[in-house]
PDB file of N, CA and C in Angstrom:
ATOM      1  N   MET A   1      15.927  22.024  31.883  1.00  0.00           N
ATOM      2  CA  MET A   1      17.134  21.225  31.786  1.00  0.00           C
ATOM      3  C   MET A   1      17.259  20.586  30.408  1.00  0.00           C
ATOM      4  N   HIS A   2      16.102  20.136  29.872  1.00  0.00           N
ATOM      5  CA  HIS A   2      16.120  19.504  28.551  1.00  0.00           C
ATOM      6  C   HIS A   2      16.551  20.497  27.477  1.00  0.00           C
ATOM      7  N   ASP A   3      16.151  21.764  27.611  1.00  0.00           N
ATOM      8  CA  ASP A   3      16.535  22.787  26.635  1.00  0.00           C
ATOM      9  C   ASP A   3      18.034  23.043  26.644  1.00  0.00           C
ATOM     10  N   ILE A   4      18.640  22.959  27.804  1.00  0.00           N
ATOM     11  CA  ILE A   4      20.085  23.163  27.909  1.00  0.00           C
ATOM     12  C   ILE A   4      20.830  22.042  27.200  1.00  0.00           C
ATOM     13  N   VAL A   5      20.377  20.813  27.395  1.00  0.00           N
ATOM     14  CA  VAL A   5      21.014  19.662  26.748  1.00  0.00           C
ATOM     15  C   VAL A   5      20.821  19.734  25.238  1.00  0.00           C
ATOM     16  N   ALA A   6      19.613  20.100  24.791  1.00  0.00           N
ATOM     17  CA  ALA A   6      19.349  20.217  23.354  1.00  0.00           C
ATOM     18  C   ALA A   6      20.200  21.325  22.740  1.00  0.00           C
ATOM     19  N   GLY A   7      20.374  22.421  23.434  1.00  0.00           N
ATOM     20  CA  GLY A   7      21.231  23.499  22.945  1.00  0.00           C
ATOM     21  C   GLY A   7      22.685  23.074  22.873  1.00  0.00           C
ATOM     22  N   TYR A   8      23.123  22.291  23.830  1.00  0.00           N
ATOM     23  CA  TYR A   8      24.500  21.789  23.837  1.00  0.00           C
ATOM     24  C   TYR A   8      24.742  20.850  22.660  1.00  0.00           C
ATOM     25  N   VAL A   9      23.759  19.969  22.390  1.00  0.00           N
ATOM     26  CA  VAL A   9      23.873  19.047  21.260  1.00  0.00           C
ATOM     27  C   VAL A   9      23.908  19.822  19.952  1.00  0.00           C
ATOM     28  N   LEU A  10      23.029  20.820  19.824  1.00  0.00           N
ATOM     29  CA  LEU A  10      23.001  21.640  18.608  1.00  0.00           C
ATOM     30  C   LEU A  10      24.314  22.377  18.405  1.00  0.00           C
ATOM     31  N   MET A  11      24.881  22.905  19.457  1.00  0.00           N
ATOM     32  CA  MET A  11      26.167  23.607  19.338  1.00  0.00           C
ATOM     33  C   MET A  11      27.282  22.636  18.933  1.00  0.00           C
ATOM     34  N   ASN A  12      27.243  21.402  19.456  1.00  0.00           N
ATOM     35  CA  ASN A  12      28.230  20.398  19.044  1.00  0.00           C
ATOM     36  C   ASN A  12      28.109  20.088  17.559  1.00  0.00           C
ATOM     37  N   ILE A  13      26.882  19.982  17.060  1.00  0.00           N
ATOM     38  CA  ILE A  13      26.669  19.671  15.649  1.00  0.00           C
ATOM     39  C   ILE A  13      27.132  20.827  14.776  1.00  0.00           C
ATOM     40  N   ILE A  14      26.819  22.055  15.167  1.00  0.00           N
ATOM     41  CA  ILE A  14      27.257  23.226  14.392  1.00  0.00           C
ATOM     42  C   ILE A  14      28.778  23.327  14.409  1.00  0.00           C
ATOM     43  N   LYS A  15      29.372  23.121  15.580  1.00  0.00           N
ATOM     44  CA  LYS A  15      30.836  23.159  15.678  1.00  0.00           C
ATOM     45  C   LYS A  15      31.475  22.089  14.803  1.00  0.00           C
ATOM     46  N   GLY A  16      30.938  20.880  14.835  1.00  0.00           N
ATOM     47  CA  GLY A  16      31.459  19.799  14.008  1.00  0.00           C
ATOM     48  C   GLY A  16      31.313  20.082  12.530  1.00  0.00           C
ATOM     49  N   ALA A  17      30.180  20.681  12.129  1.00  0.00           N
ATOM     50  CA  ALA A  17      29.959  20.995  10.714  1.00  0.00           C
ATOM     51  C   ALA A  17      30.933  22.063  10.221  1.00  0.00           C
ATOM     52  N   ILE A  18      31.186  23.067  11.035  1.00  0.00           N
ATOM     53  CA  ILE A  18      32.117  24.129  10.628  1.00  0.00           C
ATOM     54  C   ILE A  18      33.542  23.581  10.538  1.00  0.00           C
ATOM     55  N   ILE A  19      33.938  22.783  11.519  1.00  0.00           N
ATOM     56  CA  ILE A  19      35.277  22.188  11.486  1.00  0.00           C
ATOM     57  C   ILE A  19      35.404  21.240  10.300  1.00  0.00           C
ATOM     58  N   GLY A  20      34.375  20.445  10.045  1.00  0.00           N
ATOM     59  CA  GLY A  20      34.391  19.536   8.906  1.00  0.00           C
ATOM     60  C   GLY A  20      34.454  20.275   7.577  1.00  0.00           C
ATOM     61  N   LEU A  21      33.738  21.392   7.465  1.00  0.00           N
ATOM     62  CA  LEU A  21      33.763  22.180   6.232  1.00  0.00           C
ATOM     63  C   LEU A  21      35.132  22.803   5.996  1.00  0.00           C
ATOM     64  N   VAL A  22      35.733  23.343   7.050  1.00  0.00           N
ATOM     65  CA  VAL A  22      37.073  23.932   6.912  1.00  0.00           C
ATOM     66  C   VAL A  22      38.074  22.863   6.505  1.00  0.00           C
ATOM     67  N   CYS A  23      37.995  21.699   7.132  1.00  0.00           N
ATOM     68  CA  CYS A  23      38.888  20.582   6.783  1.00  0.00           C
ATOM     69  C   CYS A  23      38.677  20.168   5.332  1.00  0.00           C
ATOM     70  N   THR A  24      37.431  20.090   4.899  1.00  0.00           N
ATOM     71  CA  THR A  24      37.127  19.706   3.519  1.00  0.00           C
ATOM     72  C   THR A  24      37.704  20.703   2.529  1.00  0.00           C
ATOM     73  N   VAL A  25      37.504  21.987   2.786  1.00  0.00           N
ATOM     74  CA  VAL A  25      37.997  23.020   1.871  1.00  0.00           C
ATOM     75  C   VAL A  25      39.522  22.997   1.804  1.00  0.00           C
ATOM     76  N   VAL A  26      40.175  22.841   2.938  1.00  0.00           N
ATOM     77  CA  VAL A  26      41.638  22.800   2.953  1.00  0.00           C
ATOM     78  C   VAL A  26      42.142  21.561   2.206  1.00  0.00           C
ATOM     79  N   LEU A  27      41.516  20.415   2.454  1.00  0.00           N
ATOM     80  CA  LEU A  27      41.973  19.187   1.809  1.00  0.00           C
ATOM     81  C   LEU A  27      41.625  19.133   0.322  1.00  0.00           C
ATOM     82  N   TYR A  28      40.636  19.917  -0.129  1.00  0.00           N
ATOM     83  CA  TYR A  28      40.358  20.005  -1.564  1.00  0.00           C
ATOM     84  C   TYR A  28      41.552  20.577  -2.324  1.00  0.00           C
ATOM     85  N   MET A  29      42.411  21.303  -1.645  1.00  0.00           N
ATOM     86  CA  MET A  29      43.567  21.934  -2.289  1.00  0.00           C
ATOM     87  C   MET A  29      44.809  21.044  -2.289  1.00  0.00           C
ATOM     88  N   VAL A  30      44.750  19.883  -1.638  1.00  0.00           N
ATOM     89  CA  VAL A  30      45.896  18.976  -1.560  1.00  0.00           C
ATOM     90  C   VAL A  30      45.749  17.910  -2.650  1.00  0.00           C
ATOM     91  N   PRO A  31      46.709  17.821  -3.562  1.00  0.00           N
ATOM     92  CA  PRO A  31      46.606  16.812  -4.623  1.00  0.00           C
ATOM     93  C   PRO A  31      46.574  15.389  -4.055  1.00  0.00           C
ATOM     94  N   LEU A  32      45.872  14.522  -4.722  1.00  0.00           N
ATOM     95  CA  LEU A  32      45.690  13.110  -4.415  1.00  0.00           C
ATOM     96  C   LEU A  32      44.791  12.861  -3.204  1.00  0.00           C
ATOM     97  N   ILE A  33      44.740  13.776  -2.278  1.00  0.00           N
ATOM     98  CA  ILE A  33      43.866  13.623  -1.114  1.00  0.00           C
ATOM     99  C   ILE A  33      42.513  14.280  -1.394  1.00  0.00           C
ATOM    100  N   ASN A  34      42.484  15.207  -2.359  1.00  0.00           N
ATOM    101  CA  ASN A  34      41.274  15.988  -2.594  1.00  0.00           C
ATOM    102  C   ASN A  34      40.082  15.136  -3.008  1.00  0.00           C
ATOM    103  N   ALA A  35      40.298  13.953  -3.545  1.00  0.00           N
ATOM    104  CA  ALA A  35      39.175  13.091  -3.930  1.00  0.00           C
ATOM    105  C   ALA A  35      38.388  12.618  -2.709  1.00  0.00           C
ATOM    106  N   LEU A  36      39.042  12.451  -1.592  1.00  0.00           N
ATOM    107  CA  LEU A  36      38.372  11.984  -0.375  1.00  0.00           C
ATOM    108  C   LEU A  36      38.235  13.067   0.688  1.00  0.00           C
ATOM    109  N   SER A  37      38.471  14.309   0.323  1.00  0.00           N
ATOM    110  CA  SER A  37      38.416  15.380   1.319  1.00  0.00           C
ATOM    111  C   SER A  37      37.051  15.520   1.987  1.00  0.00           C
ATOM    112  N   PRO A  38      35.910  15.349   1.287  1.00  0.00           N
ATOM    113  CA  PRO A  38      34.636  15.433   2.022  1.00  0.00           C
ATOM    114  C   PRO A  38      34.487  14.328   3.069  1.00  0.00           C
ATOM    115  N   PHE A  39      35.007  13.130   2.768  1.00  0.00           N
ATOM    116  CA  PHE A  39      34.939  12.050   3.751  1.00  0.00           C
ATOM    117  C   PHE A  39      35.764  12.400   4.988  1.00  0.00           C
ATOM    118  N   PHE A  40      37.001  12.876   4.778  1.00  0.00           N
ATOM    119  CA  PHE A  40      37.857  13.229   5.912  1.00  0.00           C
ATOM    120  C   PHE A  40      37.272  14.390   6.703  1.00  0.00           C
ATOM    121  N   GLY A  41      36.724  15.388   6.003  1.00  0.00           N
ATOM    122  CA  GLY A  41      36.093  16.513   6.691  1.00  0.00           C
ATOM    123  C   GLY A  41      34.878  16.076   7.491  1.00  0.00           C
ATOM    124  N   GLY A  42      34.033  15.228   6.887  1.00  0.00           N
ATOM    125  CA  GLY A  42      32.873  14.718   7.608  1.00  0.00           C
ATOM    126  C   GLY A  42      33.266  13.856   8.787  1.00  0.00           C
ATOM    127  N   PHE A  43      34.301  13.039   8.595  1.00  0.00           N
ATOM    128  CA  PHE A  43      34.789  12.198   9.695  1.00  0.00           C
ATOM    129  C   PHE A  43      35.246  13.056  10.865  1.00  0.00           C
ATOM    130  N   LEU A  44      36.064  14.061  10.565  1.00  0.00           N
ATOM    131  CA  LEU A  44      36.567  14.931  11.628  1.00  0.00           C
ATOM    132  C   LEU A  44      35.429  15.688  12.302  1.00  0.00           C
ATOM    133  N   GLY A  45      34.487  16.192  11.498  1.00  0.00           N
ATOM    134  CA  GLY A  45      33.345  16.906  12.074  1.00  0.00           C
ATOM    135  C   GLY A  45      32.479  16.020  12.944  1.00  0.00           C
ATOM    136  N   GLY A  46      32.197  14.794  12.475  1.00  0.00           N
ATOM    137  CA  GLY A  46      31.406  13.860  13.273  1.00  0.00           C
ATOM    138  C   GLY A  46      32.121  13.437  14.539  1.00  0.00           C
ATOM    139  N   TYR A  47      33.441  13.285  14.446  1.00  0.00           N
ATOM    140  CA  TYR A  47      34.225  12.899  15.617  1.00  0.00           C
ATOM    141  C   TYR A  47      34.252  14.028  16.644  1.00  0.00           C
ATOM    142  N   VAL A  48      34.432  15.262  16.172  1.00  0.00           N
ATOM    143  CA  VAL A  48      34.474  16.407  17.087  1.00  0.00           C
ATOM    144  C   VAL A  48      33.117  16.619  17.757  1.00  0.00           C
ATOM    145  N   ALA A  49      32.040  16.433  17.006  1.00  0.00           N
ATOM    146  CA  ALA A  49      30.705  16.624  17.585  1.00  0.00           C
ATOM    147  C   ALA A  49      30.401  15.588  18.660  1.00  0.00           C
ATOM    148  N   SER A  50      30.903  14.369  18.510  1.00  0.00           N
ATOM    149  CA  SER A  50      30.722  13.280  19.490  1.00  0.00           C
ATOM    150  C   SER A  50      29.261  13.062  19.859  1.00  0.00           C
ATOM    151  N   GLU A  51      28.394  13.019  18.852  1.00  0.00           N
ATOM    152  CA  GLU A  51      26.970  12.825  19.104  1.00  0.00           C
ATOM    153  C   GLU A  51      26.461  11.508  18.523  1.00  0.00           C
ATOM    154  N   GLY A  52      27.345  10.564  18.271  1.00  0.00           N
ATOM    155  CA  GLY A  52      26.945   9.272  17.741  1.00  0.00           C
ATOM    156  C   GLY A  52      26.782   9.307  16.228  1.00  0.00           C
ATOM    157  N   ALA A  53      26.328   8.185  15.673  1.00  0.00           N
ATOM    158  CA  ALA A  53      26.202   8.065  14.220  1.00  0.00           C
ATOM    159  C   ALA A  53      25.141   9.014  13.672  1.00  0.00           C
ATOM    160  N   PHE A  54      23.993   9.147  14.350  1.00  0.00           N
ATOM    161  CA  PHE A  54      22.956  10.049  13.853  1.00  0.00           C
ATOM    162  C   PHE A  54      23.385  11.508  13.971  1.00  0.00           C
ATOM    163  N   GLY A  55      24.121  11.836  15.025  1.00  0.00           N
ATOM    164  CA  GLY A  55      24.689  13.179  15.140  1.00  0.00           C
ATOM    165  C   GLY A  55      25.696  13.447  14.032  1.00  0.00           C
ATOM    166  N   GLY A  56      26.476  12.419  13.683  1.00  0.00           N
ATOM    167  CA  GLY A  56      27.405  12.540  12.565  1.00  0.00           C
ATOM    168  C   GLY A  56      26.673  12.754  11.250  1.00  0.00           C
ATOM    169  N   PHE A  57      25.516  12.107  11.096  1.00  0.00           N
ATOM    170  CA  PHE A  57      24.674  12.325   9.919  1.00  0.00           C
ATOM    171  C   PHE A  57      24.243  13.785   9.841  1.00  0.00           C
ATOM    172  N   LYS A  58      23.813  14.324  10.978  1.00  0.00           N
ATOM    173  CA  LYS A  58      23.394  15.731  11.023  1.00  0.00           C
ATOM    174  C   LYS A  58      24.568  16.662  10.695  1.00  0.00           C
ATOM    175  N   VAL A  59      25.750  16.324  11.183  1.00  0.00           N
ATOM    176  CA  VAL A  59      26.950  17.106  10.885  1.00  0.00           C
ATOM    177  C   VAL A  59      27.220  17.092   9.389  1.00  0.00           C
ATOM    178  N   GLY A  60      27.133  15.924   8.766  1.00  0.00           N
ATOM    179  CA  GLY A  60      27.375  15.814   7.329  1.00  0.00           C
ATOM    180  C   GLY A  60      26.375  16.603   6.505  1.00  0.00           C
ATOM    181  N   VAL A  61      25.105  16.563   6.893  1.00  0.00           N
ATOM    182  CA  VAL A  61      24.075  17.310   6.169  1.00  0.00           C
ATOM    183  C   VAL A  61      24.306  18.820   6.315  1.00  0.00           C
ATOM    184  N   LEU A  62      24.563  19.269   7.540  1.00  0.00           N
ATOM    185  CA  LEU A  62      24.792  20.696   7.757  1.00  0.00           C
ATOM    186  C   LEU A  62      26.058  21.165   7.058  1.00  0.00           C
ATOM    187  N   MET A  63      27.092  20.346   7.082  1.00  0.00           N
ATOM    188  CA  MET A  63      28.339  20.678   6.390  1.00  0.00           C
ATOM    189  C   MET A  63      28.078  20.830   4.894  1.00  0.00           C
ATOM    190  N   SER A  64      27.261  19.959   4.337  1.00  0.00           N
ATOM    191  CA  SER A  64      26.937  20.019   2.911  1.00  0.00           C
ATOM    192  C   SER A  64      26.149  21.278   2.578  1.00  0.00           C
ATOM    193  N   LEU A  65      25.206  21.622   3.433  1.00  0.00           N
ATOM    194  CA  LEU A  65      24.429  22.840   3.197  1.00  0.00           C
ATOM    195  C   LEU A  65      25.315  24.083   3.285  1.00  0.00           C
ATOM    196  N   LEU A  66      26.210  24.092   4.256  1.00  0.00           N
ATOM    197  CA  LEU A  66      27.117  25.234   4.386  1.00  0.00           C
ATOM    198  C   LEU A  66      28.070  25.341   3.205  1.00  0.00           C
ATOM    199  N   ALA A  67      28.423  24.222   2.589  1.00  0.00           N
ATOM    200  CA  ALA A  67      29.292  24.244   1.409  1.00  0.00           C
ATOM    201  C   ALA A  67      28.519  24.650   0.165  1.00  0.00           C
ATOM    202  N   ALA A  68      27.235  24.310   0.097  1.00  0.00           N
ATOM    203  CA  ALA A  68      26.437  24.584  -1.097  1.00  0.00           C
ATOM    204  C   ALA A  68      26.141  26.068  -1.275  1.00  0.00           C
ATOM    205  N   ILE A  69      25.931  26.775  -0.200  1.00  0.00           N
ATOM    206  CA  ILE A  69      25.529  28.177  -0.291  1.00  0.00           C
ATOM    207  C   ILE A  69      26.565  29.026  -1.031  1.00  0.00           C
ATOM    208  N   PRO A  70      27.829  29.054  -0.599  1.00  0.00           N
ATOM    209  CA  PRO A  70      28.788  29.874  -1.355  1.00  0.00           C
ATOM    210  C   PRO A  70      29.080  29.308  -2.745  1.00  0.00           C
ATOM    211  N   GLY A  71      28.991  27.995  -2.906  1.00  0.00           N
ATOM    212  CA  GLY A  71      29.232  27.392  -4.210  1.00  0.00           C
ATOM    213  C   GLY A  71      28.231  27.872  -5.243  1.00  0.00           C
ATOM    214  N   PHE A  72      26.946  27.849  -4.894  1.00  0.00           N
ATOM    215  CA  PHE A  72      25.927  28.301  -5.836  1.00  0.00           C
ATOM    216  C   PHE A  72      25.939  29.818  -5.999  1.00  0.00           C
ATOM    217  N   MET A  73      26.325  30.551  -4.946  1.00  0.00           N
ATOM    218  CA  MET A  73      26.440  32.011  -5.096  1.00  0.00           C
ATOM    219  C   MET A  73      27.550  32.366  -6.077  1.00  0.00           C
ATOM    220  N   LEU A  74      28.699  31.701  -5.975  1.00  0.00           N
ATOM    221  CA  LEU A  74      29.791  31.970  -6.909  1.00  0.00           C
ATOM    222  C   LEU A  74      29.435  31.529  -8.325  1.00  0.00           C
ATOM    223  N   SER A  75      28.755  30.409  -8.445  1.00  0.00           N
ATOM    224  CA  SER A  75      28.340  29.927  -9.757  1.00  0.00           C
ATOM    225  C   SER A  75      27.325  30.875 -10.388  1.00  0.00           C
ATOM    226  N   GLY A  76      26.409  31.392  -9.588  1.00  0.00           N
ATOM    227  CA  GLY A  76      25.440  32.374 -10.090  1.00  0.00           C
ATOM    228  C   GLY A  76      26.101  33.674 -10.498  1.00  0.00           C
ATOM    229  N   ALA A  77      27.099  34.107  -9.718  1.00  0.00           N
ATOM    230  CA  ALA A  77      27.831  35.323 -10.076  1.00  0.00           C
ATOM    231  C   ALA A  77      28.572  35.135 -11.389  1.00  0.00           C
ATOM    232  N   LEU A  78      29.158  33.970 -11.594  1.00  0.00           N
ATOM    233  CA  LEU A  78      29.833  33.671 -12.854  1.00  0.00           C
ATOM    234  C   LEU A  78      28.839  33.673 -14.013  1.00  0.00           C
ATOM    235  N   ALA A  79      27.657  33.113 -13.784  1.00  0.00           N
ATOM    236  CA  ALA A  79      26.627  33.108 -14.826  1.00  0.00           C
ATOM    237  C   ALA A  79      26.202  34.526 -15.186  1.00  0.00           C
ATOM    238  N   LEU A  80      26.089  35.402 -14.184  1.00  0.00           N
ATOM    239  CA  LEU A  80      25.732  36.794 -14.466  1.00  0.00           C
ATOM    240  C   LEU A  80      26.831  37.512 -15.237  1.00  0.00           C
ATOM    241  N   LEU A  81      28.075  37.235 -14.904  1.00  0.00           N
ATOM    242  CA  LEU A  81      29.185  37.866 -15.615  1.00  0.00           C
ATOM    243  C   LEU A  81      29.261  37.411 -17.068  1.00  0.00           C
ATOM    244  N   LEU A  82      28.903  36.175 -17.322  1.00  0.00           N
ATOM    245  CA  LEU A  82      29.004  35.624 -18.671  1.00  0.00           C
ATOM    246  C   LEU A  82      27.713  35.768 -19.470  1.00  0.00           C
ATOM    247  N   ALA A  83      26.696  36.407 -18.913  1.00  0.00           N
ATOM    248  CA  ALA A  83      25.400  36.502 -19.579  1.00  0.00           C
ATOM    249  C   ALA A  83      25.462  37.305 -20.876  1.00  0.00           C
ATOM    250  N   ASP A  84      26.375  38.251 -20.975  1.00  0.00           N
ATOM    251  CA  ASP A  84      26.452  39.101 -22.167  1.00  0.00           C
ATOM    252  C   ASP A  84      27.234  38.480 -23.311  1.00  0.00           C
ATOM    253  N   VAL A  85      27.983  37.425 -23.046  1.00  0.00           N
ATOM    254  CA  VAL A  85      28.738  36.750 -24.099  1.00  0.00           C
ATOM    255  C   VAL A  85      27.752  35.880 -24.877  1.00  0.00           C
ATOM    256  N   PRO A  86      27.648  36.047 -26.205  1.00  0.00           N
ATOM    257  CA  PRO A  86      26.550  35.428 -26.963  1.00  0.00           C
ATOM    258  C   PRO A  86      26.365  33.924 -26.765  1.00  0.00           C
ATOM    259  N   VAL A  87      27.152  33.068 -27.327  1.00  0.00           N
ATOM    260  CA  VAL A  87      26.904  31.627 -27.256  1.00  0.00           C
ATOM    261  C   VAL A  87      27.752  30.984 -26.175  1.00  0.00           C
ATOM    262  N   LEU A  88      28.999  31.318 -26.146  1.00  0.00           N
ATOM    263  CA  LEU A  88      29.931  30.720 -25.197  1.00  0.00           C
ATOM    264  C   LEU A  88      29.543  31.035 -23.751  1.00  0.00           C
ATOM    265  N   GLY A  89      29.013  32.217 -23.514  1.00  0.00           N
ATOM    266  CA  GLY A  89      28.610  32.598 -22.158  1.00  0.00           C
ATOM    267  C   GLY A  89      27.518  31.715 -21.612  1.00  0.00           C
ATOM    268  N   ALA A  90      26.529  31.390 -22.422  1.00  0.00           N
ATOM    269  CA  ALA A  90      25.432  30.527 -21.978  1.00  0.00           C
ATOM    270  C   ALA A  90      25.926  29.109 -21.701  1.00  0.00           C
ATOM    271  N   ILE A  91      26.823  28.636 -22.557  1.00  0.00           N
ATOM    272  CA  ILE A  91      27.364  27.286 -22.359  1.00  0.00           C
ATOM    273  C   ILE A  91      28.175  27.220 -21.071  1.00  0.00           C
ATOM    274  N   LEU A  92      29.059  28.199 -20.861  1.00  0.00           N
ATOM    275  CA  LEU A  92      29.890  28.202 -19.655  1.00  0.00           C
ATOM    276  C   LEU A  92      29.063  28.421 -18.392  1.00  0.00           C
ATOM    277  N   ALA A  93      28.063  29.286 -18.457  1.00  0.00           N
ATOM    278  CA  ALA A  93      27.228  29.543 -17.280  1.00  0.00           C
ATOM    279  C   ALA A  93      26.440  28.291 -16.906  1.00  0.00           C
ATOM    280  N   GLY A  94      25.838  27.643 -17.885  1.00  0.00           N
ATOM    281  CA  GLY A  94      25.078  26.420 -17.608  1.00  0.00           C
ATOM    282  C   GLY A  94      25.938  25.295 -17.108  1.00  0.00           C
ATOM    283  N   SER A  95      27.098  25.141 -17.713  1.00  0.00           N
ATOM    284  CA  SER A  95      27.982  24.066 -17.261  1.00  0.00           C
ATOM    285  C   SER A  95      28.563  24.378 -15.890  1.00  0.00           C
ATOM    286  N   GLY A  96      28.774  25.647 -15.582  1.00  0.00           N
ATOM    287  CA  GLY A  96      29.271  26.011 -14.252  1.00  0.00           C
ATOM    288  C   GLY A  96      28.285  25.664 -13.159  1.00  0.00           C
ATOM    289  N   ILE A  97      27.012  25.927 -13.406  1.00  0.00           N
ATOM    290  CA  ILE A  97      25.981  25.580 -12.427  1.00  0.00           C
ATOM    291  C   ILE A  97      25.867  24.066 -12.300  1.00  0.00           C
ATOM    292  N   PHE A  98      25.937  23.349 -13.419  1.00  0.00           N
ATOM    293  CA  PHE A  98      25.870  21.890 -13.383  1.00  0.00           C
ATOM    294  C   PHE A  98      27.054  21.298 -12.619  1.00  0.00           C
ATOM    295  N   ILE A  99      28.255  21.806 -12.880  1.00  0.00           N
ATOM    296  CA  ILE A  99      29.451  21.310 -12.194  1.00  0.00           C
ATOM    297  C   ILE A  99      29.358  21.600 -10.693  1.00  0.00           C
ATOM    298  N   THR A 100      28.858  22.777 -10.335  1.00  0.00           N
ATOM    299  CA  THR A 100      28.673  23.102  -8.920  1.00  0.00           C
ATOM    300  C   THR A 100      27.695  22.130  -8.279  1.00  0.00           C
ATOM    301  N   PHE A 101      26.611  21.809  -8.974  1.00  0.00           N
ATOM    302  CA  PHE A 101      25.629  20.860  -8.460  1.00  0.00           C
ATOM    303  C   PHE A 101      26.263  19.488  -8.234  1.00  0.00           C
ATOM    304  N   VAL A 102      27.069  19.027  -9.173  1.00  0.00           N
ATOM    305  CA  VAL A 102      27.731  17.724  -9.044  1.00  0.00           C
ATOM    306  C   VAL A 102      28.704  17.728  -7.864  1.00  0.00           C
ATOM    307  N   ILE A 103      29.470  18.800  -7.713  1.00  0.00           N
ATOM    308  CA  ILE A 103      30.427  18.889  -6.603  1.00  0.00           C
ATOM    309  C   ILE A 103      29.696  18.911  -5.259  1.00  0.00           C
ATOM    310  N   VAL A 104      28.579  19.630  -5.187  1.00  0.00           N
ATOM    311  CA  VAL A 104      27.817  19.686  -3.937  1.00  0.00           C
ATOM    312  C   VAL A 104      27.239  18.315  -3.599  1.00  0.00           C
ATOM    313  N   ILE A 105      26.715  17.602  -4.584  1.00  0.00           N
ATOM    314  CA  ILE A 105      26.179  16.258  -4.335  1.00  0.00           C
ATOM    315  C   ILE A 105      27.298  15.317  -3.881  1.00  0.00           C
ATOM    316  N   TYR A 106      28.446  15.383  -4.549  1.00  0.00           N
ATOM    317  CA  TYR A 106      29.603  14.559  -4.178  1.00  0.00           C
ATOM    318  C   TYR A 106      30.038  14.856  -2.748  1.00  0.00           C
ATOM    319  N   THR A 107      30.120  16.150  -2.426  1.00  0.00           N
ATOM    320  CA  THR A 107      30.511  16.552  -1.078  1.00  0.00           C
ATOM    321  C   THR A 107      29.482  16.079  -0.053  1.00  0.00           C
ATOM    322  N   ALA A 108      28.215  16.162  -0.398  1.00  0.00           N
ATOM    323  CA  ALA A 108      27.168  15.749   0.538  1.00  0.00           C
ATOM    324  C   ALA A 108      27.241  14.256   0.816  1.00  0.00           C
ATOM    325  N   ILE A 109      27.364  13.456  -0.232  1.00  0.00           N
ATOM    326  CA  ILE A 109      27.375  12.001  -0.043  1.00  0.00           C
ATOM    327  C   ILE A 109      28.561  11.570   0.815  1.00  0.00           C
ATOM    328  N   PHE A 110      29.757  11.989   0.421  1.00  0.00           N
ATOM    329  CA  PHE A 110      30.939  11.559   1.173  1.00  0.00           C
ATOM    330  C   PHE A 110      31.054  12.251   2.523  1.00  0.00           C
ATOM    331  N   GLY A 111      30.579  13.481   2.643  1.00  0.00           N
ATOM    332  CA  GLY A 111      30.587  14.166   3.933  1.00  0.00           C
ATOM    333  C   GLY A 111      29.665  13.501   4.933  1.00  0.00           C
ATOM    334  N   ILE A 112      28.490  13.067   4.466  1.00  0.00           N
ATOM    335  CA  ILE A 112      27.546  12.383   5.351  1.00  0.00           C
ATOM    336  C   ILE A 112      28.096  11.021   5.773  1.00  0.00           C
ATOM    337  N   ILE A 113      28.659  10.281   4.818  1.00  0.00           N
ATOM    338  CA  ILE A 113      29.256   8.983   5.173  1.00  0.00           C
ATOM    339  C   ILE A 113      30.380   9.176   6.192  1.00  0.00           C
ATOM    340  N   GLY A 114      31.250  10.146   5.948  1.00  0.00           N
ATOM    341  CA  GLY A 114      32.342  10.429   6.891  1.00  0.00           C
ATOM    342  C   GLY A 114      31.831  10.875   8.241  1.00  0.00           C
ATOM    343  N   GLY A 115      30.772  11.701   8.252  1.00  0.00           N
ATOM    344  CA  GLY A 115      30.198  12.150   9.522  1.00  0.00           C
ATOM    345  C   GLY A 115      29.622  11.007  10.335  1.00  0.00           C
ATOM    346  N   VAL A 116      28.943  10.076   9.664  1.00  0.00           N
ATOM    347  CA  VAL A 116      28.372   8.918  10.364  1.00  0.00           C
ATOM    348  C   VAL A 116      29.485   8.044  10.936  1.00  0.00           C
ATOM    349  N   VAL A 117      30.525   7.804  10.133  1.00  0.00           N
ATOM    350  CA  VAL A 117      31.642   6.977  10.612  1.00  0.00           C
ATOM    351  C   VAL A 117      32.360   7.672  11.769  1.00  0.00           C
ATOM    352  N   GLY A 118      32.628   8.976  11.629  1.00  0.00           N
ATOM    353  CA  GLY A 118      33.299   9.723  12.701  1.00  0.00           C
ATOM    354  C   GLY A 118      32.477   9.773  13.976  1.00  0.00           C
ATOM    355  N   GLY A 119      31.151   9.958  13.837  1.00  0.00           N
ATOM    356  CA  GLY A 119      30.294   9.952  15.020  1.00  0.00           C
ATOM    357  C   GLY A 119      30.238   8.600  15.702  1.00  0.00           C
ATOM    358  N   ALA A 120      30.237   7.530  14.890  1.00  0.00           N
ATOM    359  CA  ALA A 120      30.228   6.187  15.463  1.00  0.00           C
ATOM    360  C   ALA A 120      31.541   5.867  16.162  1.00  0.00           C
ATOM    361  N   VAL A 121      32.650   6.302  15.584  1.00  0.00           N
ATOM    362  CA  VAL A 121      33.964   6.079  16.216  1.00  0.00           C
ATOM    363  C   VAL A 121      34.051   6.857  17.524  1.00  0.00           C
ATOM    364  N   ALA A 122      33.585   8.086  17.523  1.00  0.00           N
ATOM    365  CA  ALA A 122      33.621   8.892  18.751  1.00  0.00           C
ATOM    366  C   ALA A 122      32.702   8.302  19.816  1.00  0.00           C
ATOM    367  N   ASP A 123      31.594   7.713  19.400  1.00  0.00           N
ATOM    368  CA  ASP A 123      30.659   7.108  20.343  1.00  0.00           C
ATOM    369  C   ASP A 123      31.236   5.860  20.985  1.00  0.00           C
ATOM    370  N   ASN A 124      32.113   5.149  20.269  1.00  0.00           N
ATOM    371  CA  ASN A 124      32.718   3.935  20.803  1.00  0.00           C
ATOM    372  C   ASN A 124      33.899   4.212  21.719  1.00  0.00           C
ATOM    373  N   ASN A 125      34.429   5.426  21.698  1.00  0.00           N
ATOM    374  CA  ASN A 125      35.584   5.751  22.558  1.00  0.00           C
ATOM    375  C   ASN A 125      35.166   6.187  23.908  1.00  0.00           C
TER     376      ASN A 125
END
């Protein structure tokens, strides 16, 4: 019985993280709202998961990891494409990886805060 409950909680967290990530990506494309899109995505993901504040924390962390994987893959692909360009290629490749790192950290911090707040709000309802 305990395994069934643990599986249900895990599925709620995964579902919340995917919904939060989709919301974050969509809101990144909306001007003026894009600065807080990780918070809104984390909030929605934590609220949908309905696993309390700590569950919202888990949603925010998983959402951040899911966002980091394609971000670093695209940044690495860009670095490989620019590797043959003498000086400018190295500068752009390095700065692309650095910018991706900053965006992932920003998304993680605000996504986790939003997930905790969303989980706490869902827990109080």
